[in-house]
N, C-alpha and C. Protein backbone atom coordinates (compact mmCIF):
# COMPACT_ATOMS: atom_id res chain seq x y z
N UNK A 1 129.27 80.89 102.44
CA UNK A 1 127.96 81.27 101.88
C UNK A 1 128.10 82.55 101.07
N UNK A 2 127.25 82.67 100.09
CA UNK A 2 127.29 83.88 99.26
C UNK A 2 126.58 85.04 99.96
N UNK A 3 127.09 86.23 99.83
CA UNK A 3 126.48 87.41 100.47
C UNK A 3 125.02 87.60 100.05
N UNK A 4 124.74 87.39 98.78
CA UNK A 4 123.36 87.57 98.29
C UNK A 4 122.42 86.58 98.98
N UNK A 5 122.92 85.36 99.17
CA UNK A 5 122.12 84.33 99.85
C UNK A 5 121.84 84.75 101.30
N UNK A 6 122.87 85.25 101.96
CA UNK A 6 122.74 85.68 103.36
C UNK A 6 121.76 86.85 103.45
N UNK A 7 121.88 87.78 102.53
CA UNK A 7 120.99 88.94 102.52
C UNK A 7 119.54 88.51 102.31
N UNK A 8 119.35 87.60 101.38
CA UNK A 8 118.00 87.10 101.09
C UNK A 8 117.43 86.39 102.32
N UNK A 9 118.26 85.60 102.98
CA UNK A 9 117.83 84.86 104.16
C UNK A 9 117.46 85.81 105.29
N UNK A 10 118.27 86.85 105.50
CA UNK A 10 117.99 87.82 106.55
C UNK A 10 116.68 88.55 106.27
N UNK A 11 116.46 88.87 104.99
CA UNK A 11 115.23 89.55 104.62
C UNK A 11 114.02 88.67 104.92
N UNK A 12 114.13 87.38 104.58
CA UNK A 12 113.04 86.44 104.82
C UNK A 12 112.80 86.28 106.33
N UNK A 13 113.89 86.17 107.07
CA UNK A 13 113.80 86.00 108.52
C UNK A 13 113.16 87.23 109.16
N UNK A 14 113.56 88.40 108.70
CA UNK A 14 113.02 89.65 109.25
C UNK A 14 111.53 89.77 108.95
N UNK A 15 111.14 89.35 107.74
CA UNK A 15 109.72 89.39 107.37
C UNK A 15 108.92 88.43 108.25
N UNK A 16 109.50 87.27 108.51
CA UNK A 16 108.84 86.27 109.35
C UNK A 16 108.64 86.79 110.77
N UNK A 17 109.69 87.39 111.34
CA UNK A 17 109.59 87.90 112.70
C UNK A 17 108.64 89.09 112.78
N UNK A 18 108.59 89.88 111.71
CA UNK A 18 107.69 91.03 111.69
C UNK A 18 106.24 90.55 111.69
N UNK A 19 105.91 89.57 110.88
CA UNK A 19 104.54 89.04 110.85
C UNK A 19 104.20 88.36 112.17
N UNK A 20 105.19 87.71 112.76
CA UNK A 20 104.97 87.06 114.05
C UNK A 20 104.66 88.12 115.11
N UNK A 21 105.41 89.22 115.07
CA UNK A 21 105.20 90.32 116.00
C UNK A 21 103.80 90.91 115.83
N UNK A 22 103.39 91.12 114.60
CA UNK A 22 102.06 91.67 114.32
C UNK A 22 100.97 90.72 114.81
N UNK A 23 101.18 89.44 114.61
CA UNK A 23 100.21 88.44 115.06
C UNK A 23 100.07 88.48 116.58
N UNK A 24 101.17 88.62 117.27
CA UNK A 24 101.15 88.69 118.73
C UNK A 24 100.40 89.94 119.19
N UNK A 25 100.61 91.04 118.50
CA UNK A 25 99.92 92.29 118.85
C UNK A 25 98.41 92.13 118.68
N UNK A 26 98.00 91.49 117.60
CA UNK A 26 96.57 91.29 117.33
C UNK A 26 95.95 90.36 118.37
N UNK A 27 96.66 89.30 118.68
CA UNK A 27 96.15 88.31 119.65
C UNK A 27 96.03 88.95 121.03
N UNK A 28 96.96 89.84 121.36
CA UNK A 28 96.94 90.48 122.66
C UNK A 28 95.68 91.34 122.82
N UNK A 29 95.23 91.94 121.71
CA UNK A 29 94.00 92.73 121.76
C UNK A 29 92.80 91.80 121.89
C-alpha cells in the first residue's frame, strides 16, 4: 500500500472514532 493512502485512511479512521466518541459523550448526558 502507498504511504499516502495509509495516512489518508488513518486520518479518516481517526475522524470517525472521534465523532463516535463525541456522540457517546452526548448520549451519556
